[in-house]
Amino acid sequence: MTSPKLPDPDSLLPLPTAAFHILMALAAADRHGYGIIQDVAAHSNNQLRLGAATLYRSLQRMLEQGLIAETGDRPTPEFDDERRRYYRITRYGESVARAEARRLTELVRLARVSGFAPGKA
């Protein structure tokens, strides 16, 4: 059985801010929704606080795009709530996140050349 051909990662760029942060949160570990919200807030110094509606809308779109997958792996029952769904980044999701990071790096380089960002071009 062959898997469907996924589009070129660059075709999904630019990624929505929430999606990029969700991918970064899942790069570190599989997480459930509230864990993703906490990780994004912590790693953005509370500059980005995902609401439940934004999170779950983003997760649904990312599942459909093949960026993430729901995982059946769960913590031991005493540390888990059976209602939680856990998510994992896919290889394709990693490729898209890397492509977005390259795009953002180039954007910062151009901003430096233009004098809009500090640092060397």
PDB file of N, CA and C in Angstrom:
ATOM      1  N   MET A   1       0.840  -1.183   0.000  1.00  0.00           N
ATOM      2  CA  MET A   1       0.000   0.000   0.000  1.00  0.00           C
ATOM      3  C   MET A   1       0.886   1.249   0.000  1.00  0.00           C
ATOM      4  N   THR A   2       0.669   2.145  -0.933  1.00  0.00           N
ATOM      5  CA  THR A   2       1.467   3.360  -1.014  1.00  0.00           C
ATOM      6  C   THR A   2       0.729   4.503  -0.337  1.00  0.00           C
ATOM      7  N   SER A   3       1.514   5.403   0.233  1.00  0.00           N
ATOM      8  CA  SER A   3       0.899   6.572   0.861  1.00  0.00           C
ATOM      9  C   SER A   3       0.712   7.655  -0.191  1.00  0.00           C
ATOM     10  N   PRO A   4      -0.248   8.539   0.022  1.00  0.00           N
ATOM     11  CA  PRO A   4      -0.486   9.592  -0.971  1.00  0.00           C
ATOM     12  C   PRO A   4       0.722  10.520  -1.067  1.00  0.00           C
ATOM     13  N   LYS A   5       0.940  11.041  -2.255  1.00  0.00           N
ATOM     14  CA  LYS A   5       2.044  11.978  -2.480  1.00  0.00           C
ATOM     15  C   LYS A   5       1.724  13.291  -1.783  1.00  0.00           C
ATOM     16  N   LEU A   6       2.649  13.731  -0.962  1.00  0.00           N
ATOM     17  CA  LEU A   6       2.466  14.991  -0.240  1.00  0.00           C
ATOM     18  C   LEU A   6       3.031  16.133  -1.066  1.00  0.00           C
ATOM     19  N   PRO A   7       2.439  17.318  -0.956  1.00  0.00           N
ATOM     20  CA  PRO A   7       2.946  18.455  -1.736  1.00  0.00           C
ATOM     21  C   PRO A   7       4.333  18.890  -1.269  1.00  0.00           C
ATOM     22  N   ASP A   8       5.005  19.605  -2.138  1.00  0.00           N
ATOM     23  CA  ASP A   8       6.304  20.186  -1.802  1.00  0.00           C
ATOM     24  C   ASP A   8       6.138  21.026  -0.538  1.00  0.00           C
ATOM     25  N   PRO A   9       7.018  20.861   0.471  1.00  0.00           N
ATOM     26  CA  PRO A   9       6.886  21.642   1.709  1.00  0.00           C
ATOM     27  C   PRO A   9       6.772  23.143   1.473  1.00  0.00           C
ATOM     28  N   ASP A  10       7.481  23.665   0.490  1.00  0.00           N
ATOM     29  CA  ASP A  10       7.431  25.103   0.212  1.00  0.00           C
ATOM     30  C   ASP A  10       6.044  25.573  -0.207  1.00  0.00           C
ATOM     31  N   SER A  11       5.218  24.651  -0.697  1.00  0.00           N
ATOM     32  CA  SER A  11       3.886  25.050  -1.152  1.00  0.00           C
ATOM     33  C   SER A  11       2.963  25.429   0.016  1.00  0.00           C
ATOM     34  N   LEU A  12       3.330  25.060   1.237  1.00  0.00           N
ATOM     35  CA  LEU A  12       2.512  25.405   2.407  1.00  0.00           C
ATOM     36  C   LEU A  12       2.969  26.704   3.082  1.00  0.00           C
ATOM     37  N   LEU A  13       4.007  27.319   2.518  1.00  0.00           N
ATOM     38  CA  LEU A  13       4.561  28.530   3.127  1.00  0.00           C
ATOM     39  C   LEU A  13       3.878  29.773   2.585  1.00  0.00           C
ATOM     40  N   PRO A  14       3.802  30.823   3.369  1.00  0.00           N
ATOM     41  CA  PRO A  14       4.203  30.902   4.771  1.00  0.00           C
ATOM     42  C   PRO A  14       3.208  30.168   5.663  1.00  0.00           C
ATOM     43  N   LEU A  15       3.750  29.530   6.686  1.00  0.00           N
ATOM     44  CA  LEU A  15       2.895  28.842   7.653  1.00  0.00           C
ATOM     45  C   LEU A  15       2.224  29.864   8.557  1.00  0.00           C
ATOM     46  N   PRO A  16       1.001  29.601   8.973  1.00  0.00           N
ATOM     47  CA  PRO A  16       0.407  30.452  10.000  1.00  0.00           C
ATOM     48  C   PRO A  16       1.278  30.390  11.268  1.00  0.00           C
ATOM     49  N   THR A  17       1.367  31.487  11.973  1.00  0.00           N
ATOM     50  CA  THR A  17       2.188  31.555  13.175  1.00  0.00           C
ATOM     51  C   THR A  17       1.848  30.439  14.150  1.00  0.00           C
ATOM     52  N   ALA A  18       0.566  30.214  14.388  1.00  0.00           N
ATOM     53  CA  ALA A  18       0.160  29.165  15.331  1.00  0.00           C
ATOM     54  C   ALA A  18       0.675  27.802  14.876  1.00  0.00           C
ATOM     55  N   ALA A  19       0.571  27.499  13.590  1.00  0.00           N
ATOM     56  CA  ALA A  19       1.011  26.198  13.081  1.00  0.00           C
ATOM     57  C   ALA A  19       2.508  26.003  13.281  1.00  0.00           C
ATOM     58  N   PHE A  20       3.298  27.033  13.018  1.00  0.00           N
ATOM     59  CA  PHE A  20       4.749  26.918  13.189  1.00  0.00           C
ATOM     60  C   PHE A  20       5.087  26.668  14.651  1.00  0.00           C
ATOM     61  N   HIS A  21       4.448  27.378  15.550  1.00  0.00           N
ATOM     62  CA  HIS A  21       4.702  27.180  16.978  1.00  0.00           C
ATOM     63  C   HIS A  21       4.248  25.794  17.438  1.00  0.00           C
ATOM     64  N   ILE A  22       3.146  25.304  16.910  1.00  0.00           N
ATOM     65  CA  ILE A  22       2.677  23.955  17.260  1.00  0.00           C
ATOM     66  C   ILE A  22       3.696  22.921  16.789  1.00  0.00           C
ATOM     67  N   LEU A  23       4.214  23.075  15.572  1.00  0.00           N
ATOM     68  CA  LEU A  23       5.227  22.141  15.080  1.00  0.00           C
ATOM     69  C   LEU A  23       6.469  22.172  15.957  1.00  0.00           C
ATOM     70  N   MET A  24       6.882  23.354  16.379  1.00  0.00           N
ATOM     71  CA  MET A  24       8.059  23.439  17.252  1.00  0.00           C
ATOM     72  C   MET A  24       7.793  22.764  18.591  1.00  0.00           C
ATOM     73  N   ALA A  25       6.584  22.930  19.136  1.00  0.00           N
ATOM     74  CA  ALA A  25       6.236  22.275  20.401  1.00  0.00           C
ATOM     75  C   ALA A  25       6.269  20.756  20.251  1.00  0.00           C
ATOM     76  N   LEU A  26       5.791  20.252  19.124  1.00  0.00           N
ATOM     77  CA  LEU A  26       5.749  18.808  18.912  1.00  0.00           C
ATOM     78  C   LEU A  26       7.100  18.232  18.510  1.00  0.00           C
ATOM     79  N   ALA A  27       8.025  19.079  18.074  1.00  0.00           N
ATOM     80  CA  ALA A  27       9.368  18.599  17.737  1.00  0.00           C
ATOM     81  C   ALA A  27      10.076  18.074  18.983  1.00  0.00           C
ATOM     82  N   ALA A  28       9.754  18.651  20.134  1.00  0.00           N
ATOM     83  CA  ALA A  28      10.405  18.258  21.377  1.00  0.00           C
ATOM     84  C   ALA A  28       9.807  16.981  21.951  1.00  0.00           C
ATOM     85  N   ALA A  29       8.484  16.805  21.810  1.00  0.00           N
ATOM     86  CA  ALA A  29       7.814  15.643  22.402  1.00  0.00           C
ATOM     87  C   ALA A  29       6.377  15.573  21.911  1.00  0.00           C
ATOM     88  N   ASP A  30       5.810  14.380  21.975  1.00  0.00           N
ATOM     89  CA  ASP A  30       4.375  14.240  21.724  1.00  0.00           C
ATOM     90  C   ASP A  30       3.647  14.991  22.824  1.00  0.00           C
ATOM     91  N   ARG A  31       2.559  15.654  22.462  1.00  0.00           N
ATOM     92  CA  ARG A  31       1.832  16.444  23.454  1.00  0.00           C
ATOM     93  C   ARG A  31       0.339  16.381  23.191  1.00  0.00           C
ATOM     94  N   HIS A  32      -0.421  16.652  24.236  1.00  0.00           N
ATOM     95  CA  HIS A  32      -1.868  16.837  24.109  1.00  0.00           C
ATOM     96  C   HIS A  32      -2.115  18.332  23.965  1.00  0.00           C
ATOM     97  N   GLY A  33      -3.352  18.711  23.658  1.00  0.00           N
ATOM     98  CA  GLY A  33      -3.675  20.101  23.368  1.00  0.00           C
ATOM     99  C   GLY A  33      -3.229  21.089  24.427  1.00  0.00           C
ATOM    100  N   TYR A  34      -3.576  20.829  25.685  1.00  0.00           N
ATOM    101  CA  TYR A  34      -3.204  21.775  26.738  1.00  0.00           C
ATOM    102  C   TYR A  34      -1.689  21.846  26.898  1.00  0.00           C
ATOM    103  N   GLY A  35      -1.005  20.719  26.699  1.00  0.00           N
ATOM    104  CA  GLY A  35       0.458  20.719  26.748  1.00  0.00           C
ATOM    105  C   GLY A  35       1.060  21.578  25.654  1.00  0.00           C
ATOM    106  N   ILE A  36       0.436  21.558  24.472  1.00  0.00           N
ATOM    107  CA  ILE A  36       0.903  22.406  23.369  1.00  0.00           C
ATOM    108  C   ILE A  36       0.714  23.876  23.742  1.00  0.00           C
ATOM    109  N   ILE A  37      -0.459  24.218  24.284  1.00  0.00           N
ATOM    110  CA  ILE A  37      -0.732  25.600  24.697  1.00  0.00           C
ATOM    111  C   ILE A  37       0.318  26.074  25.694  1.00  0.00           C
ATOM    112  N   GLN A  38       0.629  25.243  26.675  1.00  0.00           N
ATOM    113  CA  GLN A  38       1.617  25.607  27.693  1.00  0.00           C
ATOM    114  C   GLN A  38       3.010  25.776  27.095  1.00  0.00           C
ATOM    115  N   ASP A  39       3.408  24.859  26.210  1.00  0.00           N
ATOM    116  CA  ASP A  39       4.734  24.919  25.604  1.00  0.00           C
ATOM    117  C   ASP A  39       4.892  26.168  24.735  1.00  0.00           C
ATOM    118  N   VAL A  40       3.889  26.466  23.931  1.00  0.00           N
ATOM    119  CA  VAL A  40       3.956  27.648  23.067  1.00  0.00           C
ATOM    120  C   VAL A  40       4.062  28.914  23.910  1.00  0.00           C
ATOM    121  N   ALA A  41       3.276  29.015  24.954  1.00  0.00           N
ATOM    122  CA  ALA A  41       3.342  30.196  25.833  1.00  0.00           C
ATOM    123  C   ALA A  41       4.722  30.313  26.469  1.00  0.00           C
ATOM    124  N   ALA A  42       5.250  29.207  26.967  1.00  0.00           N
ATOM    125  CA  ALA A  42       6.555  29.235  27.633  1.00  0.00           C
ATOM    126  C   ALA A  42       7.677  29.620  26.675  1.00  0.00           C
ATOM    127  N   HIS A  43       7.673  29.028  25.481  1.00  0.00           N
ATOM    128  CA  HIS A  43       8.757  29.298  24.536  1.00  0.00           C
ATOM    129  C   HIS A  43       8.630  30.635  23.813  1.00  0.00           C
ATOM    130  N   SER A  44       7.489  31.265  23.924  1.00  0.00           N
ATOM    131  CA  SER A  44       7.333  32.596  23.323  1.00  0.00           C
ATOM    132  C   SER A  44       7.316  33.682  24.398  1.00  0.00           C
ATOM    133  N   ASN A  45       7.721  33.331  25.618  1.00  0.00           N
ATOM    134  CA  ASN A  45       7.677  34.283  26.739  1.00  0.00           C
ATOM    135  C   ASN A  45       6.309  34.929  26.857  1.00  0.00           C
ATOM    136  N   ASN A  46       5.279  34.116  26.697  1.00  0.00           N
ATOM    137  CA  ASN A  46       3.878  34.544  26.777  1.00  0.00           C
ATOM    138  C   ASN A  46       3.490  35.579  25.723  1.00  0.00           C
ATOM    139  N   GLN A  47       4.290  35.687  24.656  1.00  0.00           N
ATOM    140  CA  GLN A  47       3.944  36.582  23.556  1.00  0.00           C
ATOM    141  C   GLN A  47       2.853  35.976  22.683  1.00  0.00           C
ATOM    142  N   LEU A  48       2.782  34.645  22.665  1.00  0.00           N
ATOM    143  CA  LEU A  48       1.748  33.959  21.905  1.00  0.00           C
ATOM    144  C   LEU A  48       1.025  33.008  22.846  1.00  0.00           C
ATOM    145  N   ARG A  49      -0.237  33.272  23.045  1.00  0.00           N
ATOM    146  CA  ARG A  49      -1.076  32.419  23.892  1.00  0.00           C
ATOM    147  C   ARG A  49      -2.207  31.899  23.012  1.00  0.00           C
ATOM    148  N   LEU A  50      -2.126  30.614  22.692  1.00  0.00           N
ATOM    149  CA  LEU A  50      -3.129  29.999  21.830  1.00  0.00           C
ATOM    150  C   LEU A  50      -4.412  29.751  22.602  1.00  0.00           C
ATOM    151  N   GLY A  51      -5.511  30.187  22.051  1.00  0.00           N
ATOM    152  CA  GLY A  51      -6.807  29.851  22.617  1.00  0.00           C
ATOM    153  C   GLY A  51      -7.211  28.472  22.140  1.00  0.00           C
ATOM    154  N   ALA A  52      -8.161  27.871  22.829  1.00  0.00           N
ATOM    155  CA  ALA A  52      -8.592  26.514  22.476  1.00  0.00           C
ATOM    156  C   ALA A  52      -9.122  26.447  21.045  1.00  0.00           C
ATOM    157  N   ALA A  53      -9.916  27.424  20.632  1.00  0.00           N
ATOM    158  CA  ALA A  53     -10.484  27.399  19.281  1.00  0.00           C
ATOM    159  C   ALA A  53      -9.382  27.453  18.223  1.00  0.00           C
ATOM    160  N   THR A  54      -8.417  28.356  18.403  1.00  0.00           N
ATOM    161  CA  THR A  54      -7.300  28.464  17.459  1.00  0.00           C
ATOM    162  C   THR A  54      -6.500  27.179  17.437  1.00  0.00           C
ATOM    163  N   LEU A  55      -6.214  26.633  18.615  1.00  0.00           N
ATOM    164  CA  LEU A  55      -5.426  25.412  18.699  1.00  0.00           C
ATOM    165  C   LEU A  55      -6.115  24.265  17.962  1.00  0.00           C
ATOM    166  N   TYR A  56      -7.357  23.994  18.290  1.00  0.00           N
ATOM    167  CA  TYR A  56      -8.005  22.825  17.718  1.00  0.00           C
ATOM    168  C   TYR A  56      -8.338  22.997  16.238  1.00  0.00           C
ATOM    169  N   ARG A  57      -8.590  24.213  15.799  1.00  0.00           N
ATOM    170  CA  ARG A  57      -8.767  24.473  14.368  1.00  0.00           C
ATOM    171  C   ARG A  57      -7.441  24.218  13.640  1.00  0.00           C
ATOM    172  N   SER A  58      -6.345  24.695  14.236  1.00  0.00           N
ATOM    173  CA  SER A  58      -5.016  24.485  13.644  1.00  0.00           C
ATOM    174  C   SER A  58      -4.660  23.003  13.620  1.00  0.00           C
ATOM    175  N   LEU A  59      -4.908  22.300  14.722  1.00  0.00           N
ATOM    176  CA  LEU A  59      -4.591  20.874  14.771  1.00  0.00           C
ATOM    177  C   LEU A  59      -5.356  20.110  13.699  1.00  0.00           C
ATOM    178  N   GLN A  60      -6.627  20.427  13.520  1.00  0.00           N
ATOM    179  CA  GLN A  60      -7.432  19.729  12.508  1.00  0.00           C
ATOM    180  C   GLN A  60      -6.864  19.965  11.113  1.00  0.00           C
ATOM    181  N   ARG A  61      -6.531  21.204  10.803  1.00  0.00           N
ATOM    182  CA  ARG A  61      -5.959  21.518   9.484  1.00  0.00           C
ATOM    183  C   ARG A  61      -4.610  20.818   9.305  1.00  0.00           C
ATOM    184  N   MET A  62      -3.800  20.801  10.362  1.00  0.00           N
ATOM    185  CA  MET A  62      -2.474  20.185  10.282  1.00  0.00           C
ATOM    186  C   MET A  62      -2.567  18.663  10.134  1.00  0.00           C
ATOM    187  N   LEU A  63      -3.567  18.054  10.764  1.00  0.00           N
ATOM    188  CA  LEU A  63      -3.812  16.620  10.578  1.00  0.00           C
ATOM    189  C   LEU A  63      -4.168  16.342   9.116  1.00  0.00           C
ATOM    190  N   GLU A  64      -5.053  17.162   8.551  1.00  0.00           N
ATOM    191  CA  GLU A  64      -5.471  16.992   7.158  1.00  0.00           C
ATOM    192  C   GLU A  64      -4.312  17.186   6.187  1.00  0.00           C
ATOM    193  N   GLN A  65      -3.382  18.073   6.519  1.00  0.00           N
ATOM    194  CA  GLN A  65      -2.238  18.352   5.646  1.00  0.00           C
ATOM    195  C   GLN A  65      -1.120  17.324   5.811  1.00  0.00           C
ATOM    196  N   GLY A  66      -1.202  16.485   6.832  1.00  0.00           N
ATOM    197  CA  GLY A  66      -0.161  15.488   7.072  1.00  0.00           C
ATOM    198  C   GLY A  66       1.030  16.010   7.847  1.00  0.00           C
ATOM    199  N   LEU A  67       0.898  17.187   8.464  1.00  0.00           N
ATOM    200  CA  LEU A  67       2.005  17.762   9.233  1.00  0.00           C
ATOM    201  C   LEU A  67       2.160  17.092  10.593  1.00  0.00           C
ATOM    202  N   ILE A  68       1.053  16.642  11.135  1.00  0.00           N
ATOM    203  CA  ILE A  68       1.038  15.979  12.436  1.00  0.00           C
ATOM    204  C   ILE A  68       0.159  14.738  12.328  1.00  0.00           C
ATOM    205  N   ALA A  69       0.269  13.871  13.325  1.00  0.00           N
ATOM    206  CA  ALA A  69      -0.580  12.684  13.399  1.00  0.00           C
ATOM    207  C   ALA A  69      -1.004  12.500  14.846  1.00  0.00           C
ATOM    208  N   GLU A  70      -2.172  11.940  15.010  1.00  0.00           N
ATOM    209  CA  GLU A  70      -2.605  11.578  16.359  1.00  0.00           C
ATOM    210  C   GLU A  70      -1.887  10.282  16.707  1.00  0.00           C
ATOM    211  N   THR A  71      -1.383  10.203  17.925  1.00  0.00           N
ATOM    212  CA  THR A  71      -0.647   9.021  18.335  1.00  0.00           C
ATOM    213  C   THR A  71      -1.416   8.246  19.388  1.00  0.00           C
ATOM    214  N   GLY A  72      -1.268   6.949  19.355  1.00  0.00           N
ATOM    215  CA  GLY A  72      -1.904   6.101  20.356  1.00  0.00           C
ATOM    216  C   GLY A  72      -1.034   5.906  21.577  1.00  0.00           C
ATOM    217  N   ASP A  73       0.225   6.362  21.495  1.00  0.00           N
ATOM    218  CA  ASP A  73       1.123   6.247  22.644  1.00  0.00           C
ATOM    219  C   ASP A  73       0.639   7.180  23.738  1.00  0.00           C
ATOM    220  N   ARG A  74       0.546   6.656  24.944  1.00  0.00           N
ATOM    221  CA  ARG A  74       0.012   7.442  26.055  1.00  0.00           C
ATOM    222  C   ARG A  74       0.862   7.215  27.295  1.00  0.00           C
ATOM    223  N   PRO A  75       0.865   8.199  28.193  1.00  0.00           N
ATOM    224  CA  PRO A  75       1.531   7.987  29.480  1.00  0.00           C
ATOM    225  C   PRO A  75       0.776   6.924  30.288  1.00  0.00           C
ATOM    226  N   THR A  76       1.357   6.484  31.362  1.00  0.00           N
ATOM    227  CA  THR A  76       0.680   5.526  32.223  1.00  0.00           C
ATOM    228  C   THR A  76      -0.613   6.138  32.736  1.00  0.00           C
ATOM    229  N   PRO A  77      -1.652   5.327  32.938  1.00  0.00           N
ATOM    230  CA  PRO A  77      -2.984   5.848  33.296  1.00  0.00           C
ATOM    231  C   PRO A  77      -3.018   6.795  34.491  1.00  0.00           C
ATOM    232  N   GLU A  78      -2.171   6.571  35.482  1.00  0.00           N
ATOM    233  CA  GLU A  78      -2.221   7.471  36.644  1.00  0.00           C
ATOM    234  C   GLU A  78      -1.727   8.884  36.325  1.00  0.00           C
ATOM    235  N   PHE A  79      -1.037   9.054  35.184  1.00  0.00           N
ATOM    236  CA  PHE A  79      -0.556  10.373  34.774  1.00  0.00           C
ATOM    237  C   PHE A  79      -1.304  10.900  33.552  1.00  0.00           C
ATOM    238  N   ASP A  80      -2.430  10.300  33.225  1.00  0.00           N
ATOM    239  CA  ASP A  80      -3.118  10.638  31.985  1.00  0.00           C
ATOM    240  C   ASP A  80      -4.621  10.785  32.218  1.00  0.00           C
ATOM    241  N   ASP A  81      -5.239  11.539  31.349  1.00  0.00           N
ATOM    242  CA  ASP A  81      -6.697  11.651  31.301  1.00  0.00           C
ATOM    243  C   ASP A  81      -7.111  10.989  29.993  1.00  0.00           C
ATOM    244  N   GLU A  82      -7.950   9.977  30.061  1.00  0.00           N
ATOM    245  CA  GLU A  82      -8.299   9.196  28.870  1.00  0.00           C
ATOM    246  C   GLU A  82      -8.957  10.013  27.771  1.00  0.00           C
ATOM    247  N   ARG A  83      -9.458  11.205  28.091  1.00  0.00           N
ATOM    248  CA  ARG A  83     -10.099  12.051  27.078  1.00  0.00           C
ATOM    249  C   ARG A  83      -9.088  12.791  26.212  1.00  0.00           C
ATOM    250  N   ARG A  84      -7.861  12.864  26.661  1.00  0.00           N
ATOM    251  CA  ARG A  84      -6.839  13.606  25.912  1.00  0.00           C
ATOM    252  C   ARG A  84      -6.453  12.881  24.634  1.00  0.00           C
ATOM    253  N   ARG A  85      -6.188  13.698  23.620  1.00  0.00           N
ATOM    254  CA  ARG A  85      -5.641  13.190  22.368  1.00  0.00           C
ATOM    255  C   ARG A  85      -4.203  13.699  22.286  1.00  0.00           C
ATOM    256  N   TYR A  86      -3.305  12.825  21.902  1.00  0.00           N
ATOM    257  CA  TYR A  86      -1.896  13.177  21.799  1.00  0.00           C
ATOM    258  C   TYR A  86      -1.501  13.291  20.341  1.00  0.00           C
ATOM    259  N   TYR A  87      -0.615  14.252  20.058  1.00  0.00           N
ATOM    260  CA  TYR A  87      -0.198  14.538  18.692  1.00  0.00           C
ATOM    261  C   TYR A  87       1.312  14.429  18.575  1.00  0.00           C
ATOM    262  N   ARG A  88       1.743  14.092  17.362  1.00  0.00           N
ATOM    263  CA  ARG A  88       3.170  13.928  17.062  1.00  0.00           C
ATOM    264  C   ARG A  88       3.434  14.581  15.716  1.00  0.00           C
ATOM    265  N   ILE A  89       4.586  15.200  15.586  1.00  0.00           N
ATOM    266  CA  ILE A  89       4.986  15.771  14.296  1.00  0.00           C
ATOM    267  C   ILE A  89       5.376  14.624  13.357  1.00  0.00           C
ATOM    268  N   THR A  90       5.041  14.750  12.087  1.00  0.00           N
ATOM    269  CA  THR A  90       5.414  13.747  11.088  1.00  0.00           C
ATOM    270  C   THR A  90       6.718  14.162  10.413  1.00  0.00           C
ATOM    271  N   ARG A  91       7.290  13.262   9.652  1.00  0.00           N
ATOM    272  CA  ARG A  91       8.497  13.628   8.888  1.00  0.00           C
ATOM    273  C   ARG A  91       8.192  14.767   7.926  1.00  0.00           C
ATOM    274  N   TYR A  92       7.012  14.695   7.326  1.00  0.00           N
ATOM    275  CA  TYR A  92       6.610  15.773   6.420  1.00  0.00           C
ATOM    276  C   TYR A  92       6.474  17.081   7.198  1.00  0.00           C
ATOM    277  N   GLY A  93       5.907  17.017   8.389  1.00  0.00           N
ATOM    278  CA  GLY A  93       5.800  18.209   9.235  1.00  0.00           C
ATOM    279  C   GLY A  93       7.165  18.787   9.563  1.00  0.00           C
ATOM    280  N   GLU A  94       8.129  17.913   9.822  1.00  0.00           N
ATOM    281  CA  GLU A  94       9.502  18.376  10.076  1.00  0.00           C
ATOM    282  C   GLU A  94      10.065  19.090   8.848  1.00  0.00           C
ATOM    283  N   SER A  95       9.812  18.535   7.662  1.00  0.00           N
ATOM    284  CA  SER A  95      10.296  19.155   6.415  1.00  0.00           C
ATOM    285  C   SER A  95       9.671  20.526   6.212  1.00  0.00           C
ATOM    286  N   VAL A  96       8.387  20.639   6.488  1.00  0.00           N
ATOM    287  CA  VAL A  96       7.695  21.923   6.335  1.00  0.00           C
ATOM    288  C   VAL A  96       8.221  22.928   7.368  1.00  0.00           C
ATOM    289  N   ALA A  97       8.442  22.491   8.592  1.00  0.00           N
ATOM    290  CA  ALA A  97       8.969  23.391   9.626  1.00  0.00           C
ATOM    291  C   ALA A  97      10.369  23.887   9.254  1.00  0.00           C
ATOM    292  N   ARG A  98      11.194  23.000   8.717  1.00  0.00           N
ATOM    293  CA  ARG A  98      12.537  23.426   8.278  1.00  0.00           C
ATOM    294  C   ARG A  98      12.445  24.435   7.132  1.00  0.00           C
ATOM    295  N   ALA A  99      11.534  24.197   6.209  1.00  0.00           N
ATOM    296  CA  ALA A  99      11.358  25.125   5.094  1.00  0.00           C
ATOM    297  C   ALA A  99      10.901  26.495   5.604  1.00  0.00           C
ATOM    298  N   GLU A 100      10.001  26.502   6.577  1.00  0.00           N
ATOM    299  CA  GLU A 100       9.533  27.770   7.152  1.00  0.00           C
ATOM    300  C   GLU A 100      10.667  28.472   7.888  1.00  0.00           C
ATOM    301  N   ALA A 101      11.496  27.719   8.611  1.00  0.00           N
ATOM    302  CA  ALA A 101      12.629  28.318   9.317  1.00  0.00           C
ATOM    303  C   ALA A 101      13.608  28.953   8.314  1.00  0.00           C
ATOM    304  N   ARG A 102      13.838  28.282   7.192  1.00  0.00           N
ATOM    305  CA  ARG A 102      14.707  28.867   6.149  1.00  0.00           C
ATOM    306  C   ARG A 102      14.092  30.146   5.595  1.00  0.00           C
ATOM    307  N   ARG A 103      12.786  30.125   5.366  1.00  0.00           N
ATOM    308  CA  ARG A 103      12.099  31.313   4.845  1.00  0.00           C
ATOM    309  C   ARG A 103      12.226  32.470   5.816  1.00  0.00           C
ATOM    310  N   LEU A 104      12.025  32.203   7.101  1.00  0.00           N
ATOM    311  CA  LEU A 104      12.119  33.264   8.112  1.00  0.00           C
ATOM    312  C   LEU A 104      13.555  33.776   8.254  1.00  0.00           C
ATOM    313  N   THR A 105      14.526  32.882   8.158  1.00  0.00           N
ATOM    314  CA  THR A 105      15.933  33.281   8.222  1.00  0.00           C
ATOM    315  C   THR A 105      16.263  34.238   7.079  1.00  0.00           C
ATOM    316  N   GLU A 106      15.781  33.915   5.889  1.00  0.00           N
ATOM    317  CA  GLU A 106      16.014  34.783   4.725  1.00  0.00           C
ATOM    318  C   GLU A 106      15.312  36.123   4.906  1.00  0.00           C
ATOM    319  N   LEU A 107      14.139  36.108   5.480  1.00  0.00           N
ATOM    320  CA  LEU A 107      13.403  37.345   5.735  1.00  0.00           C
ATOM    321  C   LEU A 107      14.172  38.251   6.702  1.00  0.00           C
ATOM    322  N   VAL A 108      14.741  37.670   7.739  1.00  0.00           N
ATOM    323  CA  VAL A 108      15.540  38.448   8.693  1.00  0.00           C
ATOM    324  C   VAL A 108      16.790  38.990   8.002  1.00  0.00           C
ATOM    325  N   ARG A 109      17.408  38.172   7.147  1.00  0.00           N
ATOM    326  CA  ARG A 109      18.589  38.646   6.409  1.00  0.00           C
ATOM    327  C   ARG A 109      18.238  39.871   5.559  1.00  0.00           C
ATOM    328  N   LEU A 110      17.109  39.809   4.870  1.00  0.00           N
ATOM    329  CA  LEU A 110      16.683  40.944   4.048  1.00  0.00           C
ATOM    330  C   LEU A 110      16.371  42.166   4.911  1.00  0.00           C
ATOM    331  N   ALA A 111      15.785  41.959   6.069  1.00  0.00           N
ATOM    332  CA  ALA A 111      15.497  43.070   6.979  1.00  0.00           C
ATOM    333  C   ALA A 111      16.791  43.715   7.458  1.00  0.00           C
ATOM    334  N   ARG A 112      17.820  42.917   7.683  1.00  0.00           N
ATOM    335  CA  ARG A 112      19.115  43.475   8.099  1.00  0.00           C
ATOM    336  C   ARG A 112      19.737  44.290   6.978  1.00  0.00           C
ATOM    337  N   VAL A 113      19.683  43.774   5.761  1.00  0.00           N
ATOM    338  CA  VAL A 113      20.227  44.489   4.604  1.00  0.00           C
ATOM    339  C   VAL A 113      19.515  45.835   4.447  1.00  0.00           C
ATOM    340  N   SER A 114      18.221  45.851   4.710  1.00  0.00           N
ATOM    341  CA  SER A 114      17.433  47.065   4.568  1.00  0.00           C
ATOM    342  C   SER A 114      17.545  48.009   5.758  1.00  0.00           C
ATOM    343  N   GLY A 115      18.225  47.574   6.808  1.00  0.00           N
ATOM    344  CA  GLY A 115      18.372  48.394   8.000  1.00  0.00           C
ATOM    345  C   GLY A 115      17.200  48.323   8.959  1.00  0.00           C
ATOM    346  N   PHE A 116      16.310  47.353   8.766  1.00  0.00           N
ATOM    347  CA  PHE A 116      15.140  47.230   9.638  1.00  0.00           C
ATOM    348  C   PHE A 116      15.380  46.291  10.820  1.00  0.00           C
ATOM    349  N   ALA A 117      16.477  45.575  10.833  1.00  0.00           N
ATOM    350  CA  ALA A 117      16.785  44.665  11.934  1.00  0.00           C
ATOM    351  C   ALA A 117      18.252  44.818  12.289  1.00  0.00           C
ATOM    352  N   PRO A 118      18.578  44.711  13.556  1.00  0.00           N
ATOM    353  CA  PRO A 118      19.984  44.840  13.971  1.00  0.00           C
ATOM    354  C   PRO A 118      20.794  43.623  13.523  1.00  0.00           C
ATOM    355  N   GLY A 119      22.090  43.773  13.462  1.00  0.00           N
ATOM    356  CA  GLY A 119      22.982  42.670  13.117  1.00  0.00           C
ATOM    357  C   GLY A 119      23.535  42.837  11.722  1.00  0.00           C
ATOM    358  N   LYS A 120      24.450  41.939  11.413  1.00  0.00           N
ATOM    359  CA  LYS A 120      25.094  41.964  10.087  1.00  0.00           C
ATOM    360  C   LYS A 120      24.251  41.226   9.076  1.00  0.00           C
ATOM    361  N   ALA A 121      24.274  41.698   7.868  1.00  0.00           N
ATOM    362  CA  ALA A 121      23.502  41.081   6.771  1.00  0.00           C
ATOM    363  C   ALA A 121      24.147  39.805   6.288  1.00  0.00           C
TER     364      ALA A 121
END
